[in-house]
Amino acid sequence: MKPIKEQVPLLVPDIGEAEEIELVQWNVKEGDVVKKDQELCELVTTKATFPLESPMDGVIVKILKEKNSKVKVGEELAILEIF
């Protein structure tokens, strides 16, 4: 029997008083193995650019938002399957 793998949603973090957040670039693609603290994508507000980092080691199983998408705090960007 295979062990059950846990999947974790990667959410847009609360980055202050940002009214508009844009996902400008993915640094990974579906199927990529990532390490904890690896920068997965870049989020831009009117004031600054913020990287979204992986909370743990795993595999990107699904990207839910495309590059250049407008996103909101708490919205799911991707699904990470952790080891």
N, C-alpha and C. Protein backbone atom coordinates (compact mmCIF):
# COMPACT_ATOMS: atom_id res chain seq x y z
N MET A 1 0.83 -1.19 0.00
CA MET A 1 0.00 0.00 0.00
C MET A 1 0.87 1.25 0.00
N LYS A 2 0.55 2.20 -0.87
CA LYS A 2 1.31 3.44 -0.94
C LYS A 2 0.95 4.34 0.23
N PRO A 3 1.94 5.07 0.78
CA PRO A 3 1.60 6.03 1.82
C PRO A 3 0.80 7.19 1.23
N ILE A 4 -0.09 7.74 2.02
CA ILE A 4 -0.90 8.87 1.56
C ILE A 4 -0.01 10.11 1.55
N LYS A 5 -0.03 10.80 0.43
CA LYS A 5 0.76 12.02 0.33
C LYS A 5 -0.15 13.21 0.64
N GLU A 6 0.38 14.14 1.41
CA GLU A 6 -0.40 15.30 1.80
C GLU A 6 -0.23 16.42 0.78
N GLN A 7 -1.35 17.03 0.42
CA GLN A 7 -1.31 18.17 -0.50
C GLN A 7 -1.67 19.43 0.27
N VAL A 8 -0.89 20.49 0.01
CA VAL A 8 -1.04 21.75 0.72
C VAL A 8 -1.30 22.85 -0.30
N PRO A 9 -2.35 23.66 -0.10
CA PRO A 9 -2.55 24.78 -1.02
C PRO A 9 -1.54 25.88 -0.74
N LEU A 10 -1.02 26.50 -1.79
CA LEU A 10 -0.13 27.65 -1.65
C LEU A 10 -0.98 28.89 -1.88
N LEU A 11 -1.07 29.73 -0.87
CA LEU A 11 -1.99 30.86 -0.87
C LEU A 11 -1.26 32.19 -1.04
N VAL A 12 -1.97 33.18 -1.57
CA VAL A 12 -1.43 34.54 -1.63
C VAL A 12 -1.31 35.03 -0.19
N PRO A 13 -0.10 35.41 0.23
CA PRO A 13 0.07 35.86 1.61
C PRO A 13 -0.50 37.26 1.82
N ASP A 14 -0.75 37.60 3.07
CA ASP A 14 -1.19 38.95 3.42
C ASP A 14 0.06 39.83 3.39
N ILE A 15 0.15 40.67 2.39
CA ILE A 15 1.35 41.50 2.24
C ILE A 15 1.02 42.97 2.50
N GLY A 16 0.26 43.20 3.55
CA GLY A 16 -0.04 44.57 3.94
C GLY A 16 -1.29 45.10 3.27
N GLU A 17 -1.31 46.39 3.09
CA GLU A 17 -2.50 47.05 2.57
C GLU A 17 -2.54 47.08 1.05
N ALA A 18 -2.22 45.97 0.44
CA ALA A 18 -2.22 45.88 -1.02
C ALA A 18 -3.64 45.69 -1.54
N GLU A 19 -4.07 46.62 -2.38
CA GLU A 19 -5.40 46.49 -2.98
C GLU A 19 -5.34 45.64 -4.24
N GLU A 20 -4.28 45.82 -5.02
CA GLU A 20 -4.10 45.03 -6.23
C GLU A 20 -2.81 44.24 -6.13
N ILE A 21 -2.91 42.94 -6.37
CA ILE A 21 -1.74 42.07 -6.38
C ILE A 21 -1.74 41.35 -7.72
N GLU A 22 -0.58 41.33 -8.36
CA GLU A 22 -0.46 40.64 -9.65
C GLU A 22 0.61 39.56 -9.54
N LEU A 23 0.27 38.37 -10.04
CA LEU A 23 1.24 37.29 -10.14
C LEU A 23 1.98 37.51 -11.45
N VAL A 24 3.24 37.99 -11.36
CA VAL A 24 3.94 38.38 -12.58
C VAL A 24 4.82 37.29 -13.18
N GLN A 25 5.22 36.31 -12.35
CA GLN A 25 6.11 35.29 -12.89
C GLN A 25 6.10 34.03 -12.02
N TRP A 26 6.05 32.88 -12.68
CA TRP A 26 6.28 31.60 -12.02
C TRP A 26 7.74 31.21 -12.22
N ASN A 27 8.40 30.75 -11.18
CA ASN A 27 9.78 30.27 -11.27
C ASN A 27 9.83 28.75 -11.33
N VAL A 28 8.66 28.12 -11.26
CA VAL A 28 8.55 26.66 -11.30
C VAL A 28 7.41 26.28 -12.25
N LYS A 29 7.34 24.98 -12.57
CA LYS A 29 6.22 24.49 -13.37
C LYS A 29 5.67 23.23 -12.71
N GLU A 30 4.51 22.78 -13.16
CA GLU A 30 3.91 21.57 -12.60
C GLU A 30 4.88 20.41 -12.74
N GLY A 31 5.02 19.61 -11.68
CA GLY A 31 5.91 18.47 -11.68
C GLY A 31 7.28 18.76 -11.10
N ASP A 32 7.60 20.06 -10.90
CA ASP A 32 8.91 20.42 -10.35
C ASP A 32 9.01 20.04 -8.87
N VAL A 33 10.17 19.51 -8.49
CA VAL A 33 10.50 19.25 -7.09
C VAL A 33 11.06 20.55 -6.53
N VAL A 34 10.53 20.98 -5.37
CA VAL A 34 10.98 22.23 -4.76
C VAL A 34 11.46 21.99 -3.34
N LYS A 35 12.30 22.88 -2.88
CA LYS A 35 12.84 22.82 -1.52
C LYS A 35 12.20 23.90 -0.66
N LYS A 36 12.19 23.68 0.64
CA LYS A 36 11.69 24.67 1.58
C LYS A 36 12.40 26.00 1.34
N ASP A 37 11.65 27.08 1.35
CA ASP A 37 12.13 28.46 1.16
C ASP A 37 12.52 28.80 -0.28
N GLN A 38 12.34 27.87 -1.23
CA GLN A 38 12.60 28.18 -2.64
C GLN A 38 11.55 29.16 -3.13
N GLU A 39 11.98 30.17 -3.91
CA GLU A 39 11.04 31.13 -4.47
C GLU A 39 10.25 30.50 -5.61
N LEU A 40 8.93 30.46 -5.46
CA LEU A 40 8.07 29.80 -6.44
C LEU A 40 7.53 30.76 -7.48
N CYS A 41 7.16 31.96 -7.03
CA CYS A 41 6.62 32.96 -7.96
C CYS A 41 6.84 34.35 -7.39
N GLU A 42 6.58 35.35 -8.22
CA GLU A 42 6.71 36.74 -7.80
C GLU A 42 5.35 37.41 -7.83
N LEU A 43 5.05 38.10 -6.74
CA LEU A 43 3.82 38.86 -6.61
C LEU A 43 4.19 40.34 -6.55
N VAL A 44 3.44 41.17 -7.26
CA VAL A 44 3.74 42.60 -7.30
C VAL A 44 2.51 43.38 -6.86
N THR A 45 2.76 44.38 -6.00
CA THR A 45 1.71 45.34 -5.62
C THR A 45 2.14 46.69 -6.19
N THR A 46 1.35 47.71 -5.92
CA THR A 46 1.72 49.04 -6.39
C THR A 46 2.97 49.55 -5.68
N LYS A 47 3.33 48.94 -4.55
CA LYS A 47 4.46 49.44 -3.77
C LYS A 47 5.71 48.56 -3.82
N ALA A 48 5.57 47.26 -4.04
CA ALA A 48 6.74 46.38 -3.94
C ALA A 48 6.51 45.04 -4.64
N THR A 49 7.61 44.29 -4.79
CA THR A 49 7.59 42.93 -5.32
C THR A 49 7.88 41.98 -4.18
N PHE A 50 7.11 40.90 -4.09
CA PHE A 50 7.26 39.91 -3.03
C PHE A 50 7.37 38.52 -3.63
N PRO A 51 8.35 37.73 -3.18
CA PRO A 51 8.40 36.33 -3.63
C PRO A 51 7.47 35.48 -2.77
N LEU A 52 6.89 34.47 -3.38
CA LEU A 52 6.17 33.44 -2.61
C LEU A 52 7.12 32.27 -2.49
N GLU A 53 7.46 31.90 -1.25
CA GLU A 53 8.40 30.82 -1.01
C GLU A 53 7.68 29.55 -0.60
N SER A 54 8.29 28.43 -0.92
CA SER A 54 7.71 27.14 -0.56
C SER A 54 7.80 26.94 0.96
N PRO A 55 6.70 26.54 1.60
CA PRO A 55 6.73 26.33 3.05
C PRO A 55 7.46 25.05 3.46
N MET A 56 7.68 24.14 2.50
CA MET A 56 8.35 22.87 2.80
C MET A 56 8.78 22.20 1.50
N ASP A 57 9.57 21.12 1.62
CA ASP A 57 9.97 20.35 0.44
C ASP A 57 8.75 19.65 -0.15
N GLY A 58 8.72 19.54 -1.47
CA GLY A 58 7.61 18.84 -2.11
C GLY A 58 7.67 18.93 -3.62
N VAL A 59 6.51 18.66 -4.24
CA VAL A 59 6.36 18.70 -5.69
C VAL A 59 5.17 19.59 -6.02
N ILE A 60 5.35 20.47 -7.01
CA ILE A 60 4.23 21.30 -7.48
C ILE A 60 3.34 20.39 -8.34
N VAL A 61 2.16 20.07 -7.84
CA VAL A 61 1.29 19.16 -8.58
C VAL A 61 0.28 19.90 -9.47
N LYS A 62 -0.04 21.14 -9.11
CA LYS A 62 -1.01 21.89 -9.91
C LYS A 62 -0.78 23.38 -9.72
N ILE A 63 -0.70 24.11 -10.83
CA ILE A 63 -0.66 25.57 -10.80
C ILE A 63 -2.06 26.06 -11.14
N LEU A 64 -2.63 26.86 -10.25
CA LEU A 64 -4.03 27.27 -10.39
C LEU A 64 -4.21 28.66 -11.00
N LYS A 65 -3.19 29.50 -10.91
CA LYS A 65 -3.28 30.87 -11.45
C LYS A 65 -2.17 31.08 -12.47
N GLU A 66 -2.52 31.67 -13.57
CA GLU A 66 -1.56 31.92 -14.64
C GLU A 66 -0.76 33.19 -14.38
N LYS A 67 0.39 33.26 -15.02
CA LYS A 67 1.22 34.45 -15.01
C LYS A 67 0.38 35.64 -15.46
N ASN A 68 0.61 36.78 -14.84
CA ASN A 68 -0.09 38.06 -15.12
C ASN A 68 -1.53 38.08 -14.62
N SER A 69 -1.89 37.14 -13.73
CA SER A 69 -3.23 37.13 -13.13
C SER A 69 -3.31 38.13 -11.98
N LYS A 70 -4.47 38.74 -11.82
CA LYS A 70 -4.75 39.54 -10.64
C LYS A 70 -5.24 38.57 -9.56
N VAL A 71 -4.66 38.67 -8.36
CA VAL A 71 -5.01 37.74 -7.29
C VAL A 71 -5.32 38.51 -6.01
N LYS A 72 -5.92 37.82 -5.05
CA LYS A 72 -6.29 38.43 -3.76
C LYS A 72 -5.67 37.64 -2.62
N VAL A 73 -5.49 38.31 -1.50
CA VAL A 73 -4.96 37.67 -0.30
C VAL A 73 -5.82 36.44 0.03
N GLY A 74 -5.15 35.31 0.29
CA GLY A 74 -5.85 34.08 0.65
C GLY A 74 -6.23 33.21 -0.53
N GLU A 75 -6.09 33.72 -1.74
CA GLU A 75 -6.46 32.94 -2.93
C GLU A 75 -5.42 31.86 -3.19
N GLU A 76 -5.87 30.69 -3.65
CA GLU A 76 -4.96 29.57 -3.95
C GLU A 76 -4.23 29.83 -5.26
N LEU A 77 -2.91 29.70 -5.20
CA LEU A 77 -2.08 29.87 -6.40
C LEU A 77 -1.67 28.54 -7.01
N ALA A 78 -1.40 27.57 -6.14
CA ALA A 78 -0.91 26.27 -6.59
C ALA A 78 -1.13 25.25 -5.49
N ILE A 79 -0.89 23.97 -5.84
CA ILE A 79 -1.00 22.87 -4.87
C ILE A 79 0.39 22.22 -4.77
N LEU A 80 0.86 22.07 -3.54
CA LEU A 80 2.15 21.45 -3.25
C LEU A 80 1.90 20.11 -2.58
N GLU A 81 2.48 19.04 -3.14
CA GLU A 81 2.41 17.73 -2.50
C GLU A 81 3.70 17.57 -1.70
N ILE A 82 3.55 17.42 -0.39
CA ILE A 82 4.75 17.37 0.46
C ILE A 82 5.23 15.94 0.65
N PHE A 83 6.52 15.81 0.92
CA PHE A 83 7.14 14.50 1.12
C PHE A 83 6.86 14.00 2.51
